[in-house]
N, C-alpha and C. Protein backbone atom coordinates (compact mmCIF):
# COMPACT_ATOMS: atom_id res chain seq x y z
N MET A 1 92.09 47.17 75.76
CA MET A 1 92.05 48.27 74.84
C MET A 1 90.92 48.46 74.26
N ALA A 2 90.19 49.67 73.81
CA ALA A 2 89.39 49.44 73.12
C ALA A 2 89.36 49.88 71.98
N ASP A 3 88.69 49.89 70.51
CA ASP A 3 88.52 49.87 69.19
C ASP A 3 89.32 51.40 68.91
N SER A 4 88.87 52.25 69.64
CA SER A 4 89.34 53.77 69.08
C SER A 4 90.95 53.97 69.55
N GLU A 5 90.78 53.26 70.54
CA GLU A 5 92.76 53.36 71.09
C GLU A 5 93.36 52.59 70.14
N VAL A 6 93.00 51.37 69.91
CA VAL A 6 93.91 50.26 68.79
C VAL A 6 93.90 51.51 67.47
N ASP A 7 92.94 51.76 66.73
CA ASP A 7 92.82 53.08 65.92
C ASP A 7 93.66 53.49 65.57
N ALA A 8 94.07 54.47 67.10
CA ALA A 8 94.76 55.98 67.40
C ALA A 8 96.33 55.16 66.88
N LEU A 9 96.36 54.04 67.48
CA LEU A 9 97.74 53.61 67.58
C LEU A 9 98.57 52.83 66.24
N ARG A 10 96.96 52.28 65.40
CA ARG A 10 97.80 52.18 63.87
C ARG A 10 97.83 53.51 63.18
N ARG A 11 96.71 54.35 63.41
CA ARG A 11 97.20 55.62 63.03
C ARG A 11 98.61 56.10 62.95
N TRP A 12 99.01 56.35 64.19
CA TRP A 12 99.75 56.92 64.72
C TRP A 12 101.47 56.16 63.68
N ARG A 13 100.88 54.58 64.20
CA ARG A 13 102.48 53.77 63.27
C ARG A 13 102.48 54.09 61.54
N GLY A 14 101.43 54.89 61.65
CA GLY A 14 101.40 54.81 59.79
C GLY A 14 102.39 55.60 59.47
N THR A 15 102.35 56.63 58.43
CA THR A 15 103.43 57.52 57.96
C THR A 15 103.54 58.88 58.73
N ALA A 16 102.42 59.60 58.78
CA ALA A 16 102.34 60.47 59.15
C ALA A 16 103.52 60.89 60.26
N HIS A 17 103.70 60.25 61.50
CA HIS A 17 105.02 60.62 62.40
C HIS A 17 106.22 60.41 61.99
N ARG A 18 106.46 60.04 60.78
CA ARG A 18 107.83 60.02 59.92
C ARG A 18 108.13 61.38 59.72
N GLN A 19 107.33 62.13 59.83
CA GLN A 19 107.77 63.46 59.23
C GLN A 19 107.95 64.57 60.73
N GLN A 20 107.96 63.78 61.56
CA GLN A 20 108.13 64.93 62.64
C GLN A 20 109.38 64.61 63.36
N PRO A 21 110.15 65.47 64.15
CA PRO A 21 111.07 65.41 64.92
C PRO A 21 111.02 64.23 66.03
N ARG A 22 112.10 63.89 66.31
CA ARG A 22 112.37 62.47 67.41
C ARG A 22 112.01 63.13 68.62
N SER A 23 111.92 64.30 68.86
CA SER A 23 111.12 64.85 70.16
C SER A 23 110.17 64.87 70.13
N ALA A 24 109.26 65.36 68.93
CA ALA A 24 108.11 65.30 68.91
C ALA A 24 107.27 64.28 68.94
N LEU A 25 107.88 63.37 68.32
CA LEU A 25 107.61 61.87 68.26
C LEU A 25 107.51 61.13 69.95
N ARG A 26 108.33 61.51 70.76
CA ARG A 26 108.70 60.88 71.73
C ARG A 26 107.43 61.34 72.63
N ARG A 27 107.26 62.83 72.72
CA ARG A 27 106.08 63.58 73.28
C ARG A 27 104.60 62.93 73.11
N ARG A 28 104.87 62.69 71.64
CA ARG A 28 103.20 61.93 71.18
C ARG A 28 103.11 60.48 71.80
N LEU A 29 104.37 59.84 71.80
CA LEU A 29 104.24 58.59 71.95
C LEU A 29 103.85 58.33 73.51
N THR A 30 104.63 59.35 74.26
CA THR A 30 104.78 59.32 75.96
C THR A 30 103.16 59.51 76.32
N ALA A 31 102.49 60.39 75.36
CA ALA A 31 100.91 60.94 75.75
C ALA A 31 100.19 59.76 75.62
N LEU A 32 100.42 59.28 73.95
CA LEU A 32 99.43 57.90 73.78
C LEU A 32 99.83 56.80 74.73
N VAL A 33 100.50 56.68 75.04
CA VAL A 33 101.24 55.20 75.75
C VAL A 33 100.68 55.56 77.60
N LEU A 34 100.92 56.54 77.48
CA LEU A 34 99.74 57.10 79.06
C LEU A 34 98.23 57.19 79.06
N MET A 35 97.85 57.44 77.49
CA MET A 35 96.40 57.52 77.09
C MET A 35 95.87 56.02 77.40
N VAL A 36 96.93 55.19 76.73
CA VAL A 36 95.81 53.91 76.36
C VAL A 36 96.43 53.21 77.79
N GLY A 37 97.46 53.28 78.20
CA GLY A 37 97.66 52.29 79.52
C GLY A 37 97.40 52.58 80.40
N GLY A 38 96.76 54.27 80.70
CA GLY A 38 96.16 54.48 82.06
C GLY A 38 95.02 54.50 82.04
N GLY A 39 94.29 54.56 80.67
CA GLY A 39 92.79 54.68 80.68
C GLY A 39 92.27 55.97 80.47
N VAL A 40 92.92 56.88 80.36
CA VAL A 40 92.64 58.54 80.74
C VAL A 40 93.49 59.44 80.08
N ALA A 41 92.92 60.35 79.52
CA ALA A 41 93.51 61.50 78.88
C ALA A 41 94.63 61.99 79.18
N CYS A 42 95.65 61.93 78.59
CA CYS A 42 96.98 62.92 78.76
C CYS A 42 97.22 64.00 78.09
N THR A 43 97.41 65.20 78.82
CA THR A 43 97.50 66.64 78.79
C THR A 43 99.03 66.65 77.98
N SER A 44 99.15 67.75 76.83
CA SER A 44 100.77 67.95 76.80
C SER A 44 101.50 68.31 77.91
N ALA A 45 100.99 68.68 78.90
CA ALA A 45 101.91 69.33 80.09
C ALA A 45 102.45 67.90 80.20
N SER A 46 101.40 66.82 80.98
CA SER A 46 102.02 65.83 81.54
C SER A 46 103.09 65.14 80.77
N ALA A 47 102.82 64.87 79.61
CA ALA A 47 103.78 64.57 78.56
C ALA A 47 105.34 65.18 78.82
N GLN A 48 104.91 66.39 78.76
CA GLN A 48 106.13 66.89 78.71
C GLN A 48 106.98 67.37 80.41
N ASP A 49 106.28 66.93 81.25
CA ASP A 49 106.62 66.38 82.60
C ASP A 49 107.14 65.27 82.71
N ALA A 50 107.01 64.17 82.08
CA ALA A 50 107.31 63.06 81.90
C ALA A 50 108.71 62.92 80.90
N THR A 51 108.90 64.09 80.40
CA THR A 51 109.93 64.01 79.20
C THR A 51 111.23 64.67 80.21
N VAL A 52 110.74 65.68 80.94
CA VAL A 52 111.46 66.26 81.72
C VAL A 52 112.21 64.89 82.80
N ALA A 53 111.20 64.49 83.39
CA ALA A 53 111.79 63.46 84.32
C ALA A 53 112.67 62.45 83.66
N ALA A 54 112.39 62.04 82.83
CA ALA A 54 113.25 60.94 81.45
C ALA A 54 114.61 61.94 81.89
N GLY A 55 114.72 63.25 81.65
CA GLY A 55 115.75 63.89 81.29
C GLY A 55 116.75 64.42 82.60
N GLU A 56 115.99 64.26 83.76
CA GLU A 56 116.55 63.81 84.91
C GLU A 56 117.31 62.86 85.30
N ALA A 57 116.51 61.90 84.96
CA ALA A 57 117.22 60.37 85.25
C ALA A 57 118.34 60.64 84.38
N ALA A 58 118.44 61.23 83.05
CA ALA A 58 119.65 61.22 82.33
C ALA A 58 120.72 62.06 82.82
N TRP A 59 120.29 62.90 83.57
CA TRP A 59 121.41 63.78 84.00
C TRP A 59 122.04 63.39 85.07
N ASP A 60 121.18 62.42 86.22
CA ASP A 60 121.65 61.57 87.18
C ASP A 60 122.97 60.40 86.58
N LYS A 61 122.22 59.64 85.25
CA LYS A 61 123.00 58.89 84.84
C LYS A 61 124.24 58.79 84.53
N ALA A 62 124.43 60.27 83.82
CA ALA A 62 125.81 60.58 83.54
C ALA A 62 126.41 61.48 84.19
N GLY A 63 126.04 61.87 85.03
CA GLY A 63 126.66 62.34 86.41
C GLY A 63 127.12 63.76 86.14
N CYS A 64 126.21 64.37 85.24
CA CYS A 64 126.24 66.27 85.38
C CYS A 64 126.59 66.90 86.30
N LEU A 65 126.29 66.46 87.48
CA LEU A 65 125.92 67.60 88.58
C LEU A 65 127.68 67.60 88.53
N GLN A 66 128.50 66.33 88.58
CA GLN A 66 130.06 66.39 89.05
C GLN A 66 130.95 67.70 88.67
N CYS A 67 130.34 68.20 87.17
CA CYS A 67 131.30 69.46 86.81
C CYS A 67 130.16 70.53 86.56
N HIS A 68 129.04 70.43 86.40
CA HIS A 68 128.21 71.65 86.25
C HIS A 68 127.42 72.04 87.55
N GLY A 69 127.57 71.14 89.07
CA GLY A 69 126.85 71.27 90.13
C GLY A 69 125.81 70.85 90.01
N ALA A 70 124.87 71.33 91.23
CA ALA A 70 123.66 70.27 91.30
C ALA A 70 122.57 71.31 90.79
N SER A 71 123.10 72.56 90.83
CA SER A 71 121.86 73.48 89.80
C SER A 71 122.30 74.31 88.93
N GLY A 72 123.59 73.60 87.88
CA GLY A 72 123.49 73.45 86.75
C GLY A 72 124.73 74.85 86.53
N GLU A 73 125.14 75.55 87.80
CA GLU A 73 125.58 76.83 88.08
C GLU A 73 126.92 76.77 87.28
N GLY A 74 127.63 75.33 87.34
CA GLY A 74 129.13 75.46 86.69
C GLY A 74 129.93 76.49 87.41
N GLY A 75 130.74 76.87 86.58
CA GLY A 75 132.25 77.82 87.14
C GLY A 75 131.78 78.99 87.60
N SER A 76 130.91 79.38 87.68
CA SER A 76 130.47 80.79 88.13
C SER A 76 129.99 80.68 89.47
N GLY A 77 130.81 79.90 90.67
CA GLY A 77 130.78 80.29 91.61
C GLY A 77 129.96 78.61 92.15
N GLY A 78 130.06 77.83 91.48
CA GLY A 78 129.46 76.92 91.97
C GLY A 78 130.44 76.05 92.54
N GLU A 79 129.74 74.99 93.32
CA GLU A 79 130.83 73.73 93.79
C GLU A 79 131.75 72.89 92.91
N PHE A 80 131.50 73.01 91.28
CA PHE A 80 132.03 72.02 90.87
C PHE A 80 132.75 72.99 89.81
N PRO A 81 133.90 73.50 89.97
CA PRO A 81 134.31 74.57 88.27
C PRO A 81 134.60 74.25 87.26
N ALA A 82 134.59 72.87 87.23
CA ALA A 82 135.09 72.19 86.08
C ALA A 82 134.30 72.35 84.73
N GLY A 83 132.99 72.33 85.01
CA GLY A 83 131.98 72.91 83.82
C GLY A 83 131.53 74.24 83.58
N PRO A 84 131.13 74.83 82.56
CA PRO A 84 130.23 75.88 82.25
C PRO A 84 128.90 76.12 83.01
N SER A 85 128.65 77.06 83.01
CA SER A 85 127.44 77.34 83.54
C SER A 85 126.39 76.94 82.65
N LEU A 86 125.27 75.98 82.89
CA LEU A 86 124.39 75.74 82.16
C LEU A 86 123.26 76.83 82.36
N ARG A 87 123.07 77.21 83.19
CA ARG A 87 122.17 78.50 83.23
C ARG A 87 122.58 80.17 82.25
N GLN A 88 123.87 80.16 81.92
CA GLN A 88 124.02 81.33 81.39
C GLN A 88 124.40 80.82 79.85
N THR A 89 124.30 79.64 79.55
CA THR A 89 124.92 79.06 78.38
C THR A 89 124.10 79.87 76.99
N ARG A 90 124.31 80.04 75.65
CA ARG A 90 123.94 80.71 74.66
C ARG A 90 123.53 79.31 73.60
N LEU A 91 123.51 78.20 74.09
CA LEU A 91 123.57 77.15 73.04
C LEU A 91 122.11 76.87 72.77
N ASP A 92 121.81 76.80 71.44
CA ASP A 92 120.26 76.46 71.31
C ASP A 92 120.42 74.97 70.94
N ARG A 93 119.35 74.45 71.22
CA ARG A 93 118.68 72.88 71.11
C ARG A 93 119.74 71.95 70.24
N ALA A 94 120.00 72.22 69.54
CA ALA A 94 120.65 71.42 68.42
C ALA A 94 122.06 71.37 68.92
N ALA A 95 122.81 72.62 69.28
CA ALA A 95 124.29 72.80 69.63
C ALA A 95 124.60 71.95 71.17
N LEU A 96 123.10 71.75 71.42
CA LEU A 96 123.13 71.05 73.41
C LEU A 96 123.17 69.47 72.78
N VAL A 97 122.31 69.26 72.28
CA VAL A 97 122.51 67.75 71.55
C VAL A 97 123.77 67.15 71.20
N GLU A 98 124.50 68.25 70.56
CA GLU A 98 125.66 67.86 69.69
C GLU A 98 126.66 67.79 70.85
N ALA A 99 126.84 68.80 71.67
CA ALA A 99 127.48 68.49 72.44
C ALA A 99 127.63 67.79 73.79
N ILE A 100 126.17 67.48 74.13
CA ILE A 100 126.14 66.53 74.78
C ILE A 100 126.52 64.91 74.19
N SER A 101 125.88 64.83 72.92
CA SER A 101 126.34 63.77 72.47
C SER A 101 127.54 63.45 71.78
N CYS A 102 128.45 64.47 71.47
CA CYS A 102 129.68 64.42 70.75
C CYS A 102 130.96 64.65 71.80
N GLY A 103 130.74 65.28 72.97
CA GLY A 103 131.52 66.23 73.54
C GLY A 103 131.93 67.47 73.10
N LEU A 104 132.73 68.01 73.62
CA LEU A 104 133.27 69.35 72.70
C LEU A 104 134.83 69.19 72.72
N PRO A 105 135.31 69.24 71.51
CA PRO A 105 136.68 69.01 71.55
C PRO A 105 137.57 70.31 72.01
N GLY A 106 138.47 69.61 72.91
CA GLY A 106 139.68 70.85 73.46
C GLY A 106 138.92 71.27 74.64
N THR A 107 138.07 70.32 75.47
CA THR A 107 137.65 70.86 76.71
C THR A 107 137.28 69.60 77.39
N PRO A 108 137.27 69.44 78.51
CA PRO A 108 136.73 68.29 79.11
C PRO A 108 135.19 67.30 78.89
N MET A 109 134.64 68.31 78.41
CA MET A 109 133.08 67.77 78.09
C MET A 109 133.45 66.52 77.45
N PRO A 110 133.09 65.44 77.90
CA PRO A 110 133.16 64.15 77.27
C PRO A 110 131.80 64.16 76.00
N ALA A 111 132.03 63.13 75.36
CA ALA A 111 130.88 62.45 74.62
C ALA A 111 129.74 61.45 75.15
N TRP A 112 128.75 61.47 75.62
CA TRP A 112 127.93 60.61 76.53
C TRP A 112 127.07 60.43 75.55
N LEU A 113 126.84 60.05 74.09
CA LEU A 113 125.97 59.54 73.14
C LEU A 113 126.67 58.30 73.18
N ASP A 114 126.10 56.78 73.33
CA ASP A 114 126.35 55.59 72.77
C ASP A 114 126.37 55.53 71.73
N GLY A 115 127.50 55.52 70.81
CA GLY A 115 127.49 55.50 69.07
C GLY A 115 128.21 56.48 68.92
N ALA A 116 128.43 57.64 69.27
CA ALA A 116 128.56 58.85 69.25
C ALA A 116 130.38 58.62 68.13
N TYR A 117 130.28 59.47 67.03
CA TYR A 117 131.39 59.17 66.26
C TYR A 117 131.58 57.57 65.42
N ALA A 118 131.31 56.44 65.77
CA ALA A 118 131.37 55.17 65.57
C ALA A 118 129.83 54.86 64.83
N LYS A 119 128.94 55.46 65.03
CA LYS A 119 127.69 55.28 64.87
C LYS A 119 126.63 56.32 64.55
N ARG A 120 127.27 57.58 64.77
CA ARG A 120 126.40 59.12 64.42
C ARG A 120 127.81 60.03 64.37
N VAL A 121 127.43 60.60 62.92
CA VAL A 121 128.42 61.72 62.77
C VAL A 121 128.63 62.72 63.50
N CYS A 122 129.80 63.16 64.04
CA CYS A 122 129.91 64.36 64.91
C CYS A 122 131.00 65.29 64.39
N TYR A 123 130.50 66.28 64.32
CA TYR A 123 131.20 67.98 64.45
C TYR A 123 131.82 67.43 62.84
N GLY A 124 131.44 66.48 62.07
CA GLY A 124 131.86 66.20 60.56
C GLY A 124 132.37 65.53 60.62
N PHE A 125 133.01 64.92 61.76
CA PHE A 125 134.22 63.50 61.26
C PHE A 125 133.46 62.48 60.46
N PRO A 126 134.08 61.92 59.84
CA PRO A 126 133.89 60.30 59.23
C PRO A 126 133.42 59.43 60.33
N LEU A 127 132.74 58.39 60.11
CA LEU A 127 132.09 57.54 61.20
C LEU A 127 133.78 56.70 61.79
N GLY A 128 133.48 56.47 62.90
CA GLY A 128 135.06 55.63 63.12
C GLY A 128 135.39 56.35 64.94
N PRO A 129 136.52 55.77 65.03
CA PRO A 129 136.87 56.46 66.39
C PRO A 129 136.63 57.71 66.59
N ALA A 130 136.39 58.04 68.00
CA ALA A 130 136.38 59.49 68.45
C ALA A 130 138.00 60.09 68.13
N PRO A 131 137.85 61.58 68.09
CA PRO A 131 139.20 62.05 67.71
C PRO A 131 139.88 61.87 69.42
N ALA A 132 141.24 62.02 69.20
CA ALA A 132 142.23 61.91 70.39
C ALA A 132 141.66 62.55 71.40
N GLU A 133 141.12 63.90 70.94
CA GLU A 133 140.69 64.81 72.26
C GLU A 133 139.56 64.58 73.01
N ILE A 134 139.04 63.92 72.47
CA ILE A 134 137.51 63.36 73.09
C ILE A 134 137.64 62.16 73.45
N THR A 135 136.93 62.16 75.32
CA THR A 135 136.55 61.54 76.12
C THR A 135 135.38 60.42 75.85
N ALA A 136 135.16 59.52 75.37
CA ALA A 136 133.75 58.75 75.28
C ALA A 136 133.87 57.82 76.36
N MET A 137 132.16 58.77 76.67
CA MET A 137 131.41 57.92 77.98
C MET A 137 130.16 57.43 77.81
N PRO A 138 130.06 56.12 76.60
CA PRO A 138 128.78 56.10 75.83
C PRO A 138 127.67 55.51 77.21
N VAL A 139 126.62 56.54 77.64
CA VAL A 139 125.80 56.05 78.81
C VAL A 139 124.23 56.26 78.43
N LEU A 140 124.64 57.18 76.94
CA LEU A 140 123.40 57.78 76.88
C LEU A 140 122.63 57.23 75.61
N SER A 141 121.48 56.66 75.14
CA SER A 141 120.91 57.08 74.02
C SER A 141 120.43 58.38 73.98
N ALA A 142 120.01 58.11 72.06
CA ALA A 142 119.80 59.07 71.63
C ALA A 142 118.40 60.05 72.16
N ASP A 143 117.28 58.91 72.76
CA ASP A 143 116.11 59.48 73.39
C ASP A 143 116.71 60.22 74.84
N GLU A 144 117.77 59.74 75.42
CA GLU A 144 118.41 60.11 76.88
C GLU A 144 118.53 61.49 76.41
N VAL A 145 119.39 61.56 75.49
CA VAL A 145 120.22 63.01 75.29
C VAL A 145 118.86 64.00 75.01
N ASP A 146 117.86 63.58 73.96
CA ASP A 146 116.60 64.41 73.80
C ASP A 146 116.34 65.13 75.04
N ALA A 147 115.94 63.66 76.08
CA ALA A 147 115.23 64.04 77.20
C ALA A 147 116.19 65.20 78.31
N LEU A 148 117.42 64.83 78.33
CA LEU A 148 118.28 65.83 79.27
C LEU A 148 118.12 67.07 78.43
N VAL A 149 118.33 67.15 77.48
CA VAL A 149 118.07 68.64 76.74
C VAL A 149 116.91 69.04 77.07
N ASP A 150 115.61 68.57 77.19
CA ASP A 150 114.12 69.29 77.76
C ASP A 150 114.55 69.32 79.29
N PHE A 151 115.33 68.64 79.88
CA PHE A 151 115.18 68.80 81.22
C PHE A 151 116.36 70.45 81.57
N LEU A 152 117.37 70.01 80.85
CA LEU A 152 118.20 71.70 80.70
C LEU A 152 117.39 72.82 80.60
N THR A 153 116.78 72.55 79.56
CA THR A 153 115.93 73.46 78.90
C THR A 153 114.83 74.57 80.62
N ALA A 154 114.03 72.85 80.62
CA ALA A 154 112.86 73.23 81.38
C ALA A 154 113.48 73.98 83.17
N LYS A 155 114.63 73.48 83.63
CA LYS A 155 115.61 73.36 84.92
C LYS A 155 116.12 74.79 84.64
N PHE A 156 117.37 74.68 84.48
CA PHE A 156 118.69 75.03 84.07
C PHE A 156 118.40 76.70 83.54
N ILE A 157 118.68 76.38 81.99
CA ILE A 157 118.76 77.48 81.07
C ILE A 157 118.13 78.55 80.86
N GLY A 158 118.72 79.77 81.35
CA GLY A 158 118.02 80.94 81.47
C GLY A 158 117.36 81.06 82.68
N GLN A 159 117.46 80.58 83.38
CA GLN A 159 117.04 80.49 84.75
C GLN A 159 117.83 81.36 85.83
N GLN A 160 117.63 81.79 86.55
CA GLN A 160 118.63 82.42 87.75
C GLN A 160 118.18 81.79 88.79
N GLN A 161 119.56 81.57 89.59
CA GLN A 161 119.60 80.87 91.08
C GLN A 161 118.49 81.12 92.07
């Protein structure tokens, strides 16, 4: 590792990164790791590609296609009508993170985040067990949830089939 790469890593580990949102941190760290580990400069596009690939892995890990269909069409004529169409959703990024992390009360959408309700406040509930109407499927980390939202945004949300 060259001295300039070590200096860049030390600067990143300083205080400047603490003021950035988690997803910006993840993209910056991914770019830095690729740059340092691969010995080449990394563009933000390839860092975004890596994030989208991580999101697709989270999609597969959680089995999202079982309810939303292979291309996110959900109940609008897709093969799996249990979930709504992700292509037509009007949820913003924060609402998507909350819905994936904490589930949607009153619907079949489970809470996918490991630690939802117990370690992370959801929908204003105090920390503790998930409400009875929520099914907890704690298989995703917070970074995986963020990457999954990046994947949904890049591949499904607002896209025509």
